[in-house]
Amino acid sequence: MKPYSSVYRPLLWRALRSAWQHKMLWVFAFLAGIIQTGAITNDVLRLSPMLGSHAISWSTLRTSWASLTWKQTFFSHFFGTSDKQTALAIVAACVCFVLLSIIILTAQHLVLLHIHRTAKNKQQPGFWATLKSIRGAHLSRLFAVNALSRLSLAILLLAGVLALRALLSDIPSVVHLYASLGVYLIIIPSAFVINALSMLTLLHVVRENDDLHHAGQKAATFLHKHWLSVLEFSLLLMLVNFCFGLGLLAVTYLLALFFLSISTIGLSTVITAALTLLASAMVLVLFFVLFDGFMVSFNYAAWSEFLERYEKIKIHPRSEHVAQHIKRRLKRV
């Protein structure tokens, strides 16, 4: 077995280098991150606060909808009062949804394909050539993968919250902890499997131009055989994302202090200070967009490198090394 450090570390370094080299993709990666960030474990952990809220039930959903007094005003203004206005509003909403979906899916396919071609050919391909190679069939497959993933997670989250709600209302308080733990032990691994299958299927669709059925089969087979390596690598990515997140907070704090000092020192009019604050806010938003795009590019590149490495040489999980080391030590004792 190869040691752990000689397997995962080069993959992470190559992914970081690839994400830094593809600066032109950061804006597209930001759009792609709206539906899939590539940080599997991070997305799973975001479900925990939602599960723990216990604020959703069928009765609360009905009550919340009934209590929305603004919905009638919204529907009357947006959809209009006549059949013609309603039809036009529905068509406009559908067109906007389709256009936004095409833009996001094109961005996702572009980022994945460009990173893959760079890693495969060891040089950056033409940006416009990559963009022109994207077809409608590619976007429809990506839409199916992302839609199935989001829908599955939504159903899973709703089922988990309703299960917790039902359990905690019918059992003694002493058993609350065990009931919640049991639900978490079902929901969290299931969410991890859904996110992992989604990411691996996307890679197979883009890298090998597979249809949805074959890409899903390959992803499921890969996850079944190498689930421990996928879990380990996703945890490493979570750690890297966390470290970069701390760096983002530090840089944002320093930038905010800098812009605030500029707006308050040496400015004579309120209008000038307001314009300075507006420009500073725009710079911060741009910084957030580029940072998020860089992180999504990094996560996509990391999983692409991970899958490509497994196609060449099997990676043995770190936990296997630890287990064998403990086994050898026990035998010596």
C-alpha atoms as a PDB file:
ATOM      1  CA  MET A   1       0.000   0.000   0.000  1.00  0.00           C
ATOM      2  CA  LYS A   2       1.102   3.505  -0.739  1.00  0.00           C
ATOM      3  CA  PRO A   3       1.264   5.806   2.277  1.00  0.00           C
ATOM      4  CA  TYR A   4      -1.618   8.188   2.814  1.00  0.00           C
ATOM      5  CA  SER A   5       0.388  11.380   2.274  1.00  0.00           C
ATOM      6  CA  SER A   6       1.585  10.265  -1.160  1.00  0.00           C
ATOM      7  CA  VAL A   7      -1.986   9.812  -2.432  1.00  0.00           C
ATOM      8  CA  TYR A   8      -4.349  12.536  -1.243  1.00  0.00           C
ATOM      9  CA  ARG A   9      -1.882  15.383  -0.854  1.00  0.00           C
ATOM     10  CA  PRO A  10      -0.819  15.538  -4.539  1.00  0.00           C
ATOM     11  CA  LEU A  11      -4.481  15.459  -5.560  1.00  0.00           C
ATOM     12  CA  LEU A  12      -5.240  18.475  -3.377  1.00  0.00           C
ATOM     13  CA  TRP A  13      -2.202  20.404  -4.600  1.00  0.00           C
ATOM     14  CA  ARG A  14      -3.065  19.731  -8.248  1.00  0.00           C
ATOM     15  CA  ALA A  15      -6.661  20.791  -7.605  1.00  0.00           C
ATOM     16  CA  LEU A  16      -5.523  24.045  -5.976  1.00  0.00           C
ATOM     17  CA  ARG A  17      -3.130  24.744  -8.829  1.00  0.00           C
ATOM     18  CA  SER A  18      -5.818  23.973 -11.401  1.00  0.00           C
ATOM     19  CA  ALA A  19      -8.362  26.232  -9.700  1.00  0.00           C
ATOM     20  CA  TRP A  20      -5.825  29.075  -9.515  1.00  0.00           C
ATOM     21  CA  GLN A  21      -4.873  28.685 -13.167  1.00  0.00           C
ATOM     22  CA  HIS A  22      -8.502  28.819 -14.333  1.00  0.00           C
ATOM     23  CA  LYS A  23      -9.255  32.348 -13.135  1.00  0.00           C
ATOM     24  CA  MET A  24     -11.504  32.944 -16.117  1.00  0.00           C
ATOM     25  CA  LEU A  25     -13.803  30.209 -14.804  1.00  0.00           C
ATOM     26  CA  TRP A  26     -14.364  31.664 -11.346  1.00  0.00           C
ATOM     27  CA  VAL A  27     -17.503  33.592 -12.290  1.00  0.00           C
ATOM     28  CA  PHE A  28     -18.906  30.524 -14.069  1.00  0.00           C
ATOM     29  CA  ALA A  29     -17.980  28.371 -11.079  1.00  0.00           C
ATOM     30  CA  PHE A  30     -19.869  30.778  -8.815  1.00  0.00           C
ATOM     31  CA  LEU A  31     -22.982  30.178 -10.919  1.00  0.00           C
ATOM     32  CA  ALA A  32     -22.366  26.421 -10.913  1.00  0.00           C
ATOM     33  CA  GLY A  33     -22.066  26.480  -7.131  1.00  0.00           C
ATOM     34  CA  ILE A  34     -25.701  27.553  -6.859  1.00  0.00           C
ATOM     35  CA  ILE A  35     -26.766  23.953  -7.517  1.00  0.00           C
ATOM     36  CA  GLN A  36     -23.622  21.933  -6.666  1.00  0.00           C
ATOM     37  CA  THR A  37     -20.592  23.208  -4.739  1.00  0.00           C
ATOM     38  CA  GLY A  38     -18.648  19.947  -4.845  1.00  0.00           C
ATOM     39  CA  ALA A  39     -18.076  20.132  -1.076  1.00  0.00           C
ATOM     40  CA  ILE A  40     -20.047  16.984  -0.265  1.00  0.00           C
ATOM     41  CA  THR A  41     -19.524  16.885   3.498  1.00  0.00           C
ATOM     42  CA  ASN A  42     -20.176  20.620   3.899  1.00  0.00           C
ATOM     43  CA  ASP A  43     -23.517  20.274   2.114  1.00  0.00           C
ATOM     44  CA  VAL A  44     -24.435  17.336   4.343  1.00  0.00           C
ATOM     45  CA  LEU A  45     -23.568  19.216   7.538  1.00  0.00           C
ATOM     46  CA  ARG A  46     -25.867  22.067   6.510  1.00  0.00           C
ATOM     47  CA  LEU A  47     -28.784  19.691   6.963  1.00  0.00           C
ATOM     48  CA  SER A  48     -28.140  19.321  10.696  1.00  0.00           C
ATOM     49  CA  PRO A  49     -29.477  22.739  11.805  1.00  0.00           C
ATOM     50  CA  MET A  50     -32.543  22.217   9.598  1.00  0.00           C
ATOM     51  CA  LEU A  51     -33.189  18.804  11.131  1.00  0.00           C
ATOM     52  CA  GLY A  52     -32.677  20.114  14.637  1.00  0.00           C
ATOM     53  CA  SER A  53     -35.167  22.947  14.292  1.00  0.00           C
ATOM     54  CA  HIS A  54     -38.196  20.635  14.505  1.00  0.00           C
ATOM     55  CA  ALA A  55     -40.193  23.580  13.199  1.00  0.00           C
ATOM     56  CA  ILE A  56     -41.733  21.843  10.215  1.00  0.00           C
ATOM     57  CA  SER A  57     -44.803  19.654  10.272  1.00  0.00           C
ATOM     58  CA  TRP A  58     -47.834  19.211   8.073  1.00  0.00           C
ATOM     59  CA  SER A  59     -49.948  21.325  10.410  1.00  0.00           C
ATOM     60  CA  THR A  60     -47.364  24.130  10.641  1.00  0.00           C
ATOM     61  CA  LEU A  61     -46.965  24.143   6.869  1.00  0.00           C
ATOM     62  CA  ARG A  62     -50.715  24.537   6.395  1.00  0.00           C
ATOM     63  CA  THR A  63     -50.914  27.194   9.103  1.00  0.00           C
ATOM     64  CA  SER A  64     -47.969  29.129   7.665  1.00  0.00           C
ATOM     65  CA  TRP A  65     -49.482  29.140   4.180  1.00  0.00           C
ATOM     66  CA  ALA A  66     -52.869  30.218   5.514  1.00  0.00           C
ATOM     67  CA  SER A  67     -51.287  33.055   7.521  1.00  0.00           C
ATOM     68  CA  LEU A  68     -49.479  34.604   4.559  1.00  0.00           C
ATOM     69  CA  THR A  69     -51.656  37.662   4.001  1.00  0.00           C
ATOM     70  CA  TRP A  70     -49.327  39.043   1.361  1.00  0.00           C
ATOM     71  CA  LYS A  71     -49.735  36.115  -1.004  1.00  0.00           C
ATOM     72  CA  GLN A  72     -53.000  37.399  -2.429  1.00  0.00           C
ATOM     73  CA  THR A  73     -51.440  40.782  -3.148  1.00  0.00           C
ATOM     74  CA  PHE A  74     -48.392  39.160  -4.723  1.00  0.00           C
ATOM     75  CA  PHE A  75     -50.426  36.894  -6.976  1.00  0.00           C
ATOM     76  CA  SER A  76     -52.748  39.698  -7.990  1.00  0.00           C
ATOM     77  CA  HIS A  77     -49.825  41.982  -8.934  1.00  0.00           C
ATOM     78  CA  PHE A  78     -47.679  39.325 -10.606  1.00  0.00           C
ATOM     79  CA  PHE A  79     -50.269  37.185 -12.321  1.00  0.00           C
ATOM     80  CA  GLY A  80     -52.844  39.915 -12.852  1.00  0.00           C
ATOM     81  CA  THR A  81     -56.588  39.765 -12.587  1.00  0.00           C
ATOM     82  CA  SER A  82     -57.477  38.673 -16.106  1.00  0.00           C
ATOM     83  CA  ASP A  83     -56.781  35.344 -17.800  1.00  0.00           C
ATOM     84  CA  LYS A  84     -54.544  37.026 -20.378  1.00  0.00           C
ATOM     85  CA  GLN A  85     -52.371  38.685 -17.740  1.00  0.00           C
ATOM     86  CA  THR A  86     -52.124  35.437 -15.800  1.00  0.00           C
ATOM     87  CA  ALA A  87     -51.064  33.493 -18.890  1.00  0.00           C
ATOM     88  CA  LEU A  88     -48.437  36.101 -19.792  1.00  0.00           C
ATOM     89  CA  ALA A  89     -47.074  36.076 -16.236  1.00  0.00           C
ATOM     90  CA  ILE A  90     -46.824  32.283 -16.215  1.00  0.00           C
ATOM     91  CA  VAL A  91     -45.064  32.271 -19.586  1.00  0.00           C
ATOM     92  CA  ALA A  92     -42.639  34.997 -18.428  1.00  0.00           C
ATOM     93  CA  ALA A  93     -41.862  33.081 -15.210  1.00  0.00           C
ATOM     94  CA  CYS A  94     -41.242  29.860 -17.167  1.00  0.00           C
ATOM     95  CA  VAL A  95     -39.005  31.644 -19.670  1.00  0.00           C
ATOM     96  CA  CYS A  96     -36.961  33.230 -16.860  1.00  0.00           C
ATOM     97  CA  PHE A  97     -36.622  29.868 -15.132  1.00  0.00           C
ATOM     98  CA  VAL A  98     -35.509  28.140 -18.339  1.00  0.00           C
ATOM     99  CA  LEU A  99     -32.987  30.866 -19.194  1.00  0.00           C
ATOM    100  CA  LEU A 100     -31.555  30.882 -15.673  1.00  0.00           C
ATOM    101  CA  SER A 101     -31.311  27.080 -15.697  1.00  0.00           C
ATOM    102  CA  ILE A 102     -29.530  27.111 -19.073  1.00  0.00           C
ATOM    103  CA  ILE A 103     -27.018  29.691 -17.819  1.00  0.00           C
ATOM    104  CA  ILE A 104     -26.272  27.799 -14.583  1.00  0.00           C
ATOM    105  CA  LEU A 105     -26.056  24.364 -16.247  1.00  0.00           C
ATOM    106  CA  THR A 106     -23.851  25.735 -19.039  1.00  0.00           C
ATOM    107  CA  ALA A 107     -21.553  27.235 -16.402  1.00  0.00           C
ATOM    108  CA  GLN A 108     -21.396  23.931 -14.523  1.00  0.00           C
ATOM    109  CA  HIS A 109     -20.649  21.906 -17.659  1.00  0.00           C
ATOM    110  CA  LEU A 110     -18.077  24.446 -18.808  1.00  0.00           C
ATOM    111  CA  VAL A 111     -16.156  24.370 -15.509  1.00  0.00           C
ATOM    112  CA  LEU A 112     -16.131  20.560 -15.261  1.00  0.00           C
ATOM    113  CA  LEU A 113     -15.204  20.035 -18.905  1.00  0.00           C
ATOM    114  CA  HIS A 114     -12.506  22.714 -18.989  1.00  0.00           C
ATOM    115  CA  ILE A 115     -10.853  21.374 -15.833  1.00  0.00           C
ATOM    116  CA  HIS A 116     -11.012  17.807 -17.142  1.00  0.00           C
ATOM    117  CA  ARG A 117      -9.496  18.694 -20.523  1.00  0.00           C
ATOM    118  CA  THR A 118      -6.707  20.644 -18.852  1.00  0.00           C
ATOM    119  CA  ALA A 119      -5.837  17.717 -16.572  1.00  0.00           C
ATOM    120  CA  LYS A 120      -6.026  15.231 -19.442  1.00  0.00           C
ATOM    121  CA  ASN A 121      -4.038  17.195 -22.034  1.00  0.00           C
ATOM    122  CA  LYS A 122      -1.704  18.894 -19.499  1.00  0.00           C
ATOM    123  CA  GLN A 123      -2.445  22.256 -21.108  1.00  0.00           C
ATOM    124  CA  GLN A 124      -5.341  24.681 -21.069  1.00  0.00           C
ATOM    125  CA  PRO A 125      -7.754  24.162 -23.989  1.00  0.00           C
ATOM    126  CA  GLY A 126      -9.370  27.044 -25.801  1.00  0.00           C
ATOM    127  CA  PHE A 127     -12.089  28.622 -23.704  1.00  0.00           C
ATOM    128  CA  TRP A 128     -14.464  29.305 -26.584  1.00  0.00           C
ATOM    129  CA  ALA A 129     -13.780  25.888 -28.085  1.00  0.00           C
ATOM    130  CA  THR A 130     -14.861  24.274 -24.822  1.00  0.00           C
ATOM    131  CA  LEU A 131     -17.951  26.470 -24.647  1.00  0.00           C
ATOM    132  CA  LYS A 132     -18.951  25.683 -28.235  1.00  0.00           C
ATOM    133  CA  SER A 133     -18.673  21.939 -27.597  1.00  0.00           C
ATOM    134  CA  ILE A 134     -21.556  22.041 -25.088  1.00  0.00           C
ATOM    135  CA  ARG A 135     -24.828  20.761 -26.536  1.00  0.00           C
ATOM    136  CA  GLY A 136     -28.424  20.706 -25.392  1.00  0.00           C
ATOM    137  CA  ALA A 137     -28.205  16.994 -24.599  1.00  0.00           C
ATOM    138  CA  HIS A 138     -25.372  17.704 -22.164  1.00  0.00           C
ATOM    139  CA  LEU A 139     -27.431  20.325 -20.328  1.00  0.00           C
ATOM    140  CA  SER A 140     -30.484  18.086 -20.131  1.00  0.00           C
ATOM    141  CA  ARG A 141     -28.411  15.366 -18.462  1.00  0.00           C
ATOM    142  CA  LEU A 142     -26.936  17.809 -15.986  1.00  0.00           C
ATOM    143  CA  PHE A 143     -30.404  19.165 -15.264  1.00  0.00           C
ATOM    144  CA  ALA A 144     -31.682  15.644 -14.556  1.00  0.00           C
ATOM    145  CA  VAL A 145     -28.790  14.870 -12.184  1.00  0.00           C
ATOM    146  CA  ASN A 146     -29.099  18.124 -10.246  1.00  0.00           C
ATOM    147  CA  ALA A 147     -32.885  18.027 -10.127  1.00  0.00           C
ATOM    148  CA  LEU A 148     -32.967  14.451  -8.851  1.00  0.00           C
ATOM    149  CA  SER A 149     -30.315  15.274  -6.251  1.00  0.00           C
ATOM    150  CA  ARG A 150     -32.073  18.406  -4.953  1.00  0.00           C
ATOM    151  CA  LEU A 151     -35.459  16.691  -4.935  1.00  0.00           C
ATOM    152  CA  SER A 152     -34.079  13.665  -3.081  1.00  0.00           C
ATOM    153  CA  LEU A 153     -32.434  15.884  -0.462  1.00  0.00           C
ATOM    154  CA  ALA A 154     -35.615  17.906  -0.019  1.00  0.00           C
ATOM    155  CA  ILE A 155     -37.693  14.766   0.494  1.00  0.00           C
ATOM    156  CA  LEU A 156     -35.063  13.357   2.849  1.00  0.00           C
ATOM    157  CA  LEU A 157     -34.957  16.570   4.889  1.00  0.00           C
ATOM    158  CA  LEU A 158     -38.734  16.797   5.119  1.00  0.00           C
ATOM    159  CA  ALA A 159     -39.009  13.127   6.099  1.00  0.00           C
ATOM    160  CA  GLY A 160     -36.340  13.566   8.786  1.00  0.00           C
ATOM    161  CA  VAL A 161     -37.944  16.666  10.277  1.00  0.00           C
ATOM    162  CA  LEU A 162     -41.398  15.077  10.295  1.00  0.00           C
ATOM    163  CA  ALA A 163     -39.967  11.900  11.852  1.00  0.00           C
ATOM    164  CA  LEU A 164     -38.291  13.884  14.614  1.00  0.00           C
ATOM    165  CA  ARG A 165     -41.465  15.864  15.150  1.00  0.00           C
ATOM    166  CA  ALA A 166     -43.550  12.713  15.479  1.00  0.00           C
ATOM    167  CA  LEU A 167     -41.052  10.897  17.697  1.00  0.00           C
ATOM    168  CA  LEU A 168     -40.460  13.755  20.086  1.00  0.00           C
ATOM    169  CA  SER A 169     -44.148  14.359  20.575  1.00  0.00           C
ATOM    170  CA  ASP A 170     -45.022  10.788  21.540  1.00  0.00           C
ATOM    171  CA  ILE A 171     -42.116   9.589  23.665  1.00  0.00           C
ATOM    172  CA  PRO A 172     -40.800  10.575  27.109  1.00  0.00           C
ATOM    173  CA  SER A 173     -38.128  13.244  27.330  1.00  0.00           C
ATOM    174  CA  VAL A 174     -35.563  10.682  28.482  1.00  0.00           C
ATOM    175  CA  VAL A 175     -35.716   8.944  25.112  1.00  0.00           C
ATOM    176  CA  HIS A 176     -35.518  12.164  23.060  1.00  0.00           C
ATOM    177  CA  LEU A 177     -31.764  11.926  22.657  1.00  0.00           C
ATOM    178  CA  TYR A 178     -31.826   8.338  21.411  1.00  0.00           C
ATOM    179  CA  ALA A 179     -34.702   9.014  19.032  1.00  0.00           C
ATOM    180  CA  SER A 180     -32.927  12.041  17.541  1.00  0.00           C
ATOM    181  CA  LEU A 181     -29.681  10.103  17.253  1.00  0.00           C
ATOM    182  CA  GLY A 182     -31.437   7.298  15.393  1.00  0.00           C
ATOM    183  CA  VAL A 183     -32.954   9.717  12.883  1.00  0.00           C
ATOM    184  CA  TYR A 184     -29.609  11.450  12.369  1.00  0.00           C
ATOM    185  CA  LEU A 185     -27.892   8.094  11.787  1.00  0.00           C
ATOM    186  CA  ILE A 186     -30.304   7.480   8.927  1.00  0.00           C
ATOM    187  CA  ILE A 187     -30.582  10.965   7.405  1.00  0.00           C
ATOM    188  CA  ILE A 188     -26.930  12.094   7.455  1.00  0.00           C
ATOM    189  CA  PRO A 189     -25.443   8.986   5.720  1.00  0.00           C
ATOM    190  CA  SER A 190     -28.309   9.038   3.211  1.00  0.00           C
ATOM    191  CA  ALA A 191     -27.598  12.690   2.417  1.00  0.00           C
ATOM    192  CA  PHE A 192     -23.908  11.873   1.992  1.00  0.00           C
ATOM    193  CA  VAL A 193     -24.747   9.080  -0.474  1.00  0.00           C
ATOM    194  CA  ILE A 194     -27.033  11.394  -2.475  1.00  0.00           C
ATOM    195  CA  ASN A 195     -24.416  14.168  -2.678  1.00  0.00           C
ATOM    196  CA  ALA A 196     -21.611  11.755  -3.535  1.00  0.00           C
ATOM    197  CA  LEU A 197     -23.662  10.035  -6.239  1.00  0.00           C
ATOM    198  CA  SER A 198     -24.621  13.416  -7.663  1.00  0.00           C
ATOM    199  CA  MET A 199     -21.008  14.602  -7.890  1.00  0.00           C
ATOM    200  CA  LEU A 200     -19.701  11.333  -9.339  1.00  0.00           C
ATOM    201  CA  THR A 201     -22.543  11.151 -11.863  1.00  0.00           C
ATOM    202  CA  LEU A 202     -21.841  14.702 -13.002  1.00  0.00           C
ATOM    203  CA  LEU A 203     -18.206  13.787 -13.553  1.00  0.00           C
ATOM    204  CA  HIS A 204     -19.094  10.726 -15.626  1.00  0.00           C
ATOM    205  CA  VAL A 205     -21.615  12.692 -17.688  1.00  0.00           C
ATOM    206  CA  VAL A 206     -19.118  15.446 -18.493  1.00  0.00           C
ATOM    207  CA  ARG A 207     -15.859  13.505 -18.682  1.00  0.00           C
ATOM    208  CA  GLU A 208     -17.066  10.480 -20.622  1.00  0.00           C
ATOM    209  CA  ASN A 209     -20.206  11.920 -22.260  1.00  0.00           C
ATOM    210  CA  ASP A 210     -22.292   9.095 -20.770  1.00  0.00           C
ATOM    211  CA  ASP A 211     -26.056   9.130 -20.733  1.00  0.00           C
ATOM    212  CA  LEU A 212     -27.821   9.442 -17.410  1.00  0.00           C
ATOM    213  CA  HIS A 213     -28.401   5.710 -16.932  1.00  0.00           C
ATOM    214  CA  HIS A 214     -24.802   4.600 -17.530  1.00  0.00           C
ATOM    215  CA  ALA A 215     -23.342   7.543 -15.629  1.00  0.00           C
ATOM    216  CA  GLY A 216     -25.532   6.751 -12.624  1.00  0.00           C
ATOM    217  CA  GLN A 217     -24.574   3.084 -12.775  1.00  0.00           C
ATOM    218  CA  LYS A 218     -20.857   3.893 -12.891  1.00  0.00           C
ATOM    219  CA  ALA A 219     -21.205   6.353 -10.012  1.00  0.00           C
ATOM    220  CA  ALA A 220     -23.134   3.861  -7.874  1.00  0.00           C
ATOM    221  CA  THR A 221     -20.611   1.089  -8.603  1.00  0.00           C
ATOM    222  CA  PHE A 222     -17.678   3.361  -7.804  1.00  0.00           C
ATOM    223  CA  LEU A 223     -19.250   4.548  -4.555  1.00  0.00           C
ATOM    224  CA  HIS A 224     -20.096   0.976  -3.535  1.00  0.00           C
ATOM    225  CA  LYS A 225     -16.511  -0.192  -4.056  1.00  0.00           C
ATOM    226  CA  HIS A 226     -14.657   2.849  -2.755  1.00  0.00           C
ATOM    227  CA  TRP A 227     -17.071   4.510  -0.317  1.00  0.00           C
ATOM    228  CA  LEU A 228     -14.416   4.734   2.395  1.00  0.00           C
ATOM    229  CA  SER A 229     -11.990   6.596   0.125  1.00  0.00           C
ATOM    230  CA  VAL A 230     -14.788   8.920  -1.000  1.00  0.00           C
ATOM    231  CA  LEU A 231     -15.655   9.613   2.637  1.00  0.00           C
ATOM    232  CA  GLU A 232     -12.036  10.271   3.592  1.00  0.00           C
ATOM    233  CA  PHE A 233     -11.466  12.571   0.644  1.00  0.00           C
ATOM    234  CA  SER A 234     -14.690  14.481   1.300  1.00  0.00           C
ATOM    235  CA  LEU A 235     -13.604  15.025   4.917  1.00  0.00           C
ATOM    236  CA  LEU A 236     -10.247  16.341   3.726  1.00  0.00           C
ATOM    237  CA  LEU A 237     -12.029  18.715   1.358  1.00  0.00           C
ATOM    238  CA  MET A 238     -14.209  19.866   4.251  1.00  0.00           C
ATOM    239  CA  LEU A 239     -11.074  20.668   6.255  1.00  0.00           C
ATOM    240  CA  VAL A 240      -9.546  22.603   3.350  1.00  0.00           C
ATOM    241  CA  ASN A 241     -12.798  24.508   2.766  1.00  0.00           C
ATOM    242  CA  PHE A 242     -12.962  25.324   6.474  1.00  0.00           C
ATOM    243  CA  CYS A 243      -9.409  26.705   6.475  1.00  0.00           C
ATOM    244  CA  PHE A 244     -10.116  28.835   3.416  1.00  0.00           C
ATOM    245  CA  GLY A 245     -13.331  29.999   5.093  1.00  0.00           C
ATOM    246  CA  LEU A 246     -11.339  31.237   8.091  1.00  0.00           C
ATOM    247  CA  GLY A 247      -9.030  33.069   5.706  1.00  0.00           C
ATOM    248  CA  LEU A 248     -12.054  34.630   4.010  1.00  0.00           C
ATOM    249  CA  LEU A 249     -13.367  35.920   7.340  1.00  0.00           C
ATOM    250  CA  ALA A 250      -9.993  37.460   8.181  1.00  0.00           C
ATOM    251  CA  VAL A 251      -9.600  39.144   4.788  1.00  0.00           C
ATOM    252  CA  THR A 252     -13.200  40.385   4.846  1.00  0.00           C
ATOM    253  CA  TYR A 253     -12.686  41.893   8.297  1.00  0.00           C
ATOM    254  CA  LEU A 254      -9.531  43.707   7.181  1.00  0.00           C
ATOM    255  CA  LEU A 255     -11.170  44.957   3.982  1.00  0.00           C
ATOM    256  CA  ALA A 256     -14.195  46.197   5.912  1.00  0.00           C
ATOM    257  CA  LEU A 257     -11.975  48.103   8.332  1.00  0.00           C
ATOM    258  CA  PHE A 258      -9.992  49.578   5.433  1.00  0.00           C
ATOM    259  CA  PHE A 259     -13.046  50.743   3.510  1.00  0.00           C
ATOM    260  CA  LEU A 260     -14.697  52.074   6.656  1.00  0.00           C
ATOM    261  CA  SER A 261     -11.630  54.107   7.519  1.00  0.00           C
ATOM    262  CA  ILE A 262     -11.532  55.544   3.993  1.00  0.00           C
ATOM    263  CA  SER A 263     -15.183  56.552   4.157  1.00  0.00           C
ATOM    264  CA  THR A 264     -14.826  58.303   7.533  1.00  0.00           C
ATOM    265  CA  ILE A 265     -11.412  59.956   7.251  1.00  0.00           C
ATOM    266  CA  GLY A 266     -10.776  62.849   4.944  1.00  0.00           C
ATOM    267  CA  LEU A 267     -14.258  62.961   3.383  1.00  0.00           C
ATOM    268  CA  SER A 268     -16.121  66.243   3.718  1.00  0.00           C
ATOM    269  CA  THR A 269     -19.605  65.456   2.417  1.00  0.00           C
ATOM    270  CA  VAL A 270     -22.179  62.807   3.222  1.00  0.00           C
ATOM    271  CA  ILE A 271     -22.686  62.052  -0.467  1.00  0.00           C
ATOM    272  CA  THR A 272     -18.997  61.319  -0.988  1.00  0.00           C
ATOM    273  CA  ALA A 273     -18.964  59.020   2.045  1.00  0.00           C
ATOM    274  CA  ALA A 274     -22.088  57.219   0.815  1.00  0.00           C
ATOM    275  CA  LEU A 275     -20.582  56.717  -2.650  1.00  0.00           C
ATOM    276  CA  THR A 276     -17.394  55.407  -1.079  1.00  0.00           C
ATOM    277  CA  LEU A 277     -19.371  52.934   1.027  1.00  0.00           C
ATOM    278  CA  LEU A 278     -21.339  51.841  -2.035  1.00  0.00           C
ATOM    279  CA  ALA A 279     -18.154  51.271  -4.018  1.00  0.00           C
ATOM    280  CA  SER A 280     -16.661  49.376  -1.068  1.00  0.00           C
ATOM    281  CA  ALA A 281     -19.738  47.169  -0.854  1.00  0.00           C
ATOM    282  CA  MET A 282     -19.453  46.407  -4.570  1.00  0.00           C
ATOM    283  CA  VAL A 283     -15.800  45.476  -4.149  1.00  0.00           C
ATOM    284  CA  LEU A 284     -16.664  43.174  -1.245  1.00  0.00           C
ATOM    285  CA  VAL A 285     -19.449  41.499  -3.238  1.00  0.00           C
ATOM    286  CA  LEU A 286     -17.069  40.971  -6.158  1.00  0.00           C
ATOM    287  CA  PHE A 287     -14.498  39.535  -3.780  1.00  0.00           C
ATOM    288  CA  PHE A 288     -17.074  37.099  -2.364  1.00  0.00           C
ATOM    289  CA  VAL A 289     -18.133  36.029  -5.856  1.00  0.00           C
ATOM    290  CA  LEU A 290     -14.567  35.377  -6.984  1.00  0.00           C
ATOM    291  CA  PHE A 291     -13.684  33.573  -3.753  1.00  0.00           C
ATOM    292  CA  ASP A 292     -16.743  31.351  -3.986  1.00  0.00           C
ATOM    293  CA  GLY A 293     -15.939  30.669  -7.646  1.00  0.00           C
ATOM    294  CA  PHE A 294     -12.398  29.715  -6.734  1.00  0.00           C
ATOM    295  CA  MET A 295     -13.594  27.293  -4.046  1.00  0.00           C
ATOM    296  CA  VAL A 296     -16.143  25.653  -6.353  1.00  0.00           C
ATOM    297  CA  SER A 297     -13.446  25.306  -9.038  1.00  0.00           C
ATOM    298  CA  PHE A 298     -11.153  23.751  -6.452  1.00  0.00           C
ATOM    299  CA  ASN A 299     -13.779  21.236  -5.302  1.00  0.00           C
ATOM    300  CA  TYR A 300     -14.658  20.271  -8.875  1.00  0.00           C
ATOM    301  CA  ALA A 301     -10.984  19.903  -9.771  1.00  0.00           C
ATOM    302  CA  ALA A 302     -10.328  17.834  -6.632  1.00  0.00           C
ATOM    303  CA  TRP A 303     -13.056  15.314  -7.465  1.00  0.00           C
ATOM    304  CA  SER A 304     -11.931  15.204 -11.085  1.00  0.00           C
ATOM    305  CA  GLU A 305      -8.365  14.461  -9.988  1.00  0.00           C
ATOM    306  CA  PHE A 306      -9.644  11.897  -7.492  1.00  0.00           C
ATOM    307  CA  LEU A 307     -11.658  10.006 -10.102  1.00  0.00           C
ATOM    308  CA  GLU A 308      -8.854  10.160 -12.666  1.00  0.00           C
ATOM    309  CA  ARG A 309      -6.345   8.805 -10.125  1.00  0.00           C
ATOM    310  CA  TYR A 310      -8.633   5.881  -9.317  1.00  0.00           C
ATOM    311  CA  GLU A 311      -8.902   5.048 -13.009  1.00  0.00           C
ATOM    312  CA  LYS A 312      -5.120   4.552 -13.074  1.00  0.00           C
ATOM    313  CA  ILE A 313      -4.160   3.241  -9.627  1.00  0.00           C
ATOM    314  CA  LYS A 314      -6.377   2.078  -6.794  1.00  0.00           C
ATOM    315  CA  ILE A 315      -6.114   4.290  -3.723  1.00  0.00           C
ATOM    316  CA  HIS A 316      -6.105   2.545  -0.363  1.00  0.00           C
ATOM    317  CA  PRO A 317      -7.929   4.527   2.324  1.00  0.00           C
ATOM    318  CA  ARG A 318      -5.993   5.932   5.236  1.00  0.00           C
ATOM    319  CA  SER A 319      -8.194   4.011   7.661  1.00  0.00           C
ATOM    320  CA  GLU A 320      -6.993   0.733   6.126  1.00  0.00           C
ATOM    321  CA  HIS A 321      -3.404   1.707   6.921  1.00  0.00           C
ATOM    322  CA  VAL A 322      -4.389   2.604  10.484  1.00  0.00           C
ATOM    323  CA  ALA A 323      -6.305  -0.663  10.943  1.00  0.00           C
ATOM    324  CA  GLN A 324      -3.404  -2.750   9.624  1.00  0.00           C
ATOM    325  CA  HIS A 325      -0.952  -0.846  11.795  1.00  0.00           C
ATOM    326  CA  ILE A 326      -3.072  -1.498  14.897  1.00  0.00           C
ATOM    327  CA  LYS A 327      -3.444  -5.147  13.901  1.00  0.00           C
ATOM    328  CA  ARG A 328       0.332  -5.573  13.579  1.00  0.00           C
ATOM    329  CA  ARG A 329       0.900  -3.884  16.935  1.00  0.00           C
ATOM    330  CA  LEU A 330      -1.643  -6.157  18.606  1.00  0.00           C
ATOM    331  CA  LYS A 331       0.017  -9.239  17.147  1.00  0.00           C
ATOM    332  CA  ARG A 332       3.375  -8.159  18.558  1.00  0.00           C
ATOM    333  CA  VAL A 333       1.846  -7.754  21.994  1.00  0.00           C
END
